Protein backbone atom coordinates (compact mmCIF):
# COMPACT_ATOMS: atom_id res chain seq x y z
CA MET A 1 -14.13 -22.89 67.67
CA THR A 2 -11.87 -20.51 65.77
CA TYR A 3 -12.32 -18.02 62.96
CA VAL A 4 -10.16 -18.56 59.88
CA VAL A 5 -9.32 -16.21 57.04
CA VAL A 6 -7.67 -17.34 53.81
CA ALA A 7 -6.50 -14.51 51.59
CA ARG A 8 -5.33 -15.20 48.06
CA TYR A 9 -3.16 -12.58 46.40
CA ARG A 10 -1.66 -12.45 42.93
CA THR A 11 1.07 -9.86 42.59
CA ARG A 12 1.65 -7.72 39.56
CA PRO A 13 4.50 -9.12 37.44
CA GLY A 14 7.83 -8.84 39.27
CA GLU A 15 6.33 -7.49 42.51
CA GLN A 16 6.39 -10.70 44.57
CA ASP A 17 9.92 -9.93 45.82
CA THR A 18 8.62 -6.62 47.21
CA VAL A 19 5.35 -8.01 48.60
CA LEU A 20 6.73 -11.07 50.42
CA PRO A 21 9.02 -9.20 52.86
CA LEU A 22 6.16 -6.81 53.63
CA LEU A 23 3.92 -9.77 54.42
CA ASP A 24 6.63 -11.33 56.60
CA THR A 25 6.65 -8.10 58.63
CA MET A 26 2.85 -8.15 58.71
CA ALA A 27 2.82 -11.76 59.93
CA ALA A 28 5.22 -11.03 62.77
CA ALA A 29 3.17 -8.04 63.94
CA SER A 30 -0.11 -9.93 63.62
CA ARG A 31 1.12 -12.88 65.67
CA GLU A 32 1.55 -10.46 68.59
CA GLU A 33 -2.11 -9.44 68.54
CA PRO A 34 -4.45 -10.75 71.25
CA GLY A 35 -6.68 -13.42 69.75
CA ASN A 36 -4.35 -14.26 66.86
CA LEU A 37 -3.67 -17.99 66.83
CA ALA A 38 -1.78 -18.23 63.51
CA TYR A 39 -0.65 -16.07 60.60
CA ARG A 40 1.22 -17.85 57.84
CA VAL A 41 2.42 -16.63 54.45
CA HIS A 42 2.65 -19.15 51.59
CA GLN A 43 4.00 -18.70 48.06
CA GLY A 44 2.92 -20.71 45.02
CA ILE A 45 5.41 -23.28 43.77
CA GLU A 46 4.22 -23.33 40.16
CA ASP A 47 3.30 -19.64 40.21
CA PRO A 48 5.54 -17.52 42.48
CA ARG A 49 3.21 -14.54 42.01
CA ALA A 50 0.48 -16.46 43.88
CA ILE A 51 0.49 -15.80 47.62
CA VAL A 52 -1.83 -17.33 50.20
CA LEU A 53 -2.25 -16.04 53.74
CA TYR A 54 -3.66 -18.36 56.38
CA GLU A 55 -4.89 -16.49 59.43
CA GLU A 56 -6.57 -17.97 62.48
CA TYR A 57 -8.22 -16.01 65.27
CA ALA A 58 -9.99 -16.96 68.47
CA THR A 59 -13.09 -15.00 67.39
CA GLU A 60 -14.44 -12.99 64.48
CA ALA A 61 -14.11 -9.89 66.67
CA ASP A 62 -10.35 -10.55 66.92
CA PHE A 63 -10.14 -10.48 63.12
CA THR A 64 -12.16 -7.27 62.99
CA THR A 65 -9.74 -5.74 65.50
CA HIS A 66 -6.82 -6.98 63.37
CA CYS A 67 -8.20 -5.13 60.33
CA ALA A 68 -8.26 -1.89 62.35
CA THR A 69 -4.60 -2.04 63.43
CA PRO A 70 -2.09 0.51 62.14
CA HIS A 71 0.14 -2.28 60.75
CA PHE A 72 -2.75 -3.71 58.69
CA ARG A 73 -3.58 -0.30 57.29
CA GLU A 74 0.03 0.75 56.65
CA ILE A 75 1.41 -2.53 55.34
CA VAL A 76 -1.49 -4.31 53.66
CA LEU A 77 -3.76 -1.51 52.48
CA GLU A 78 -1.16 1.15 51.71
CA GLN A 79 1.84 -0.90 50.52
CA VAL A 80 0.76 -4.41 49.46
CA VAL A 81 -2.64 -3.89 47.81
CA PRO A 82 -1.32 -1.42 45.19
CA LEU A 83 1.18 -4.11 44.08
CA LEU A 84 -1.49 -6.77 43.53
CA GLU A 85 -3.21 -7.88 40.36
CA SER A 86 -5.96 -9.57 42.39
CA ARG A 87 -7.03 -10.11 45.98
CA ASP A 88 -9.62 -12.52 47.33
CA VAL A 89 -10.45 -12.95 51.02
CA LEU A 90 -12.40 -15.96 52.27
CA ARG A 91 -13.70 -15.85 55.85
CA CYS A 92 -14.44 -19.24 57.37
CA ALA A 93 -16.20 -20.53 60.44
CA PRO A 94 -15.82 -24.15 61.53
CA ARG A 95 -18.58 -26.58 60.77
CA ASP A 96 -20.20 -28.23 63.71
CA GLU A 97 -18.79 -31.71 64.06
CA VAL A 98 -21.22 -34.38 63.00
CA THR A 99 -21.40 -37.44 65.16
CA ALA A 100 -22.18 -40.73 63.52
């Protein structure tokens, strides 16, 4: 079982070209963390200001550790968040598989 985080960002007008390279740097650093299984950055086709991050970790504790890293604090909290109009983070745990 893995722990998944889906973050939805909407940049302030014109800021997506600043935010996306920062998130690319964040993704590369995050993929090096123990327990990180995936970190993908997606941009909206119809709305280029819409950005979705898909993050997958081995455990919830790995995500908690991720949020305490210097790169999370410096890139996401200090540089990206001030350029956002909105930010929504959805934390997900897998459902137990149902057998028929």
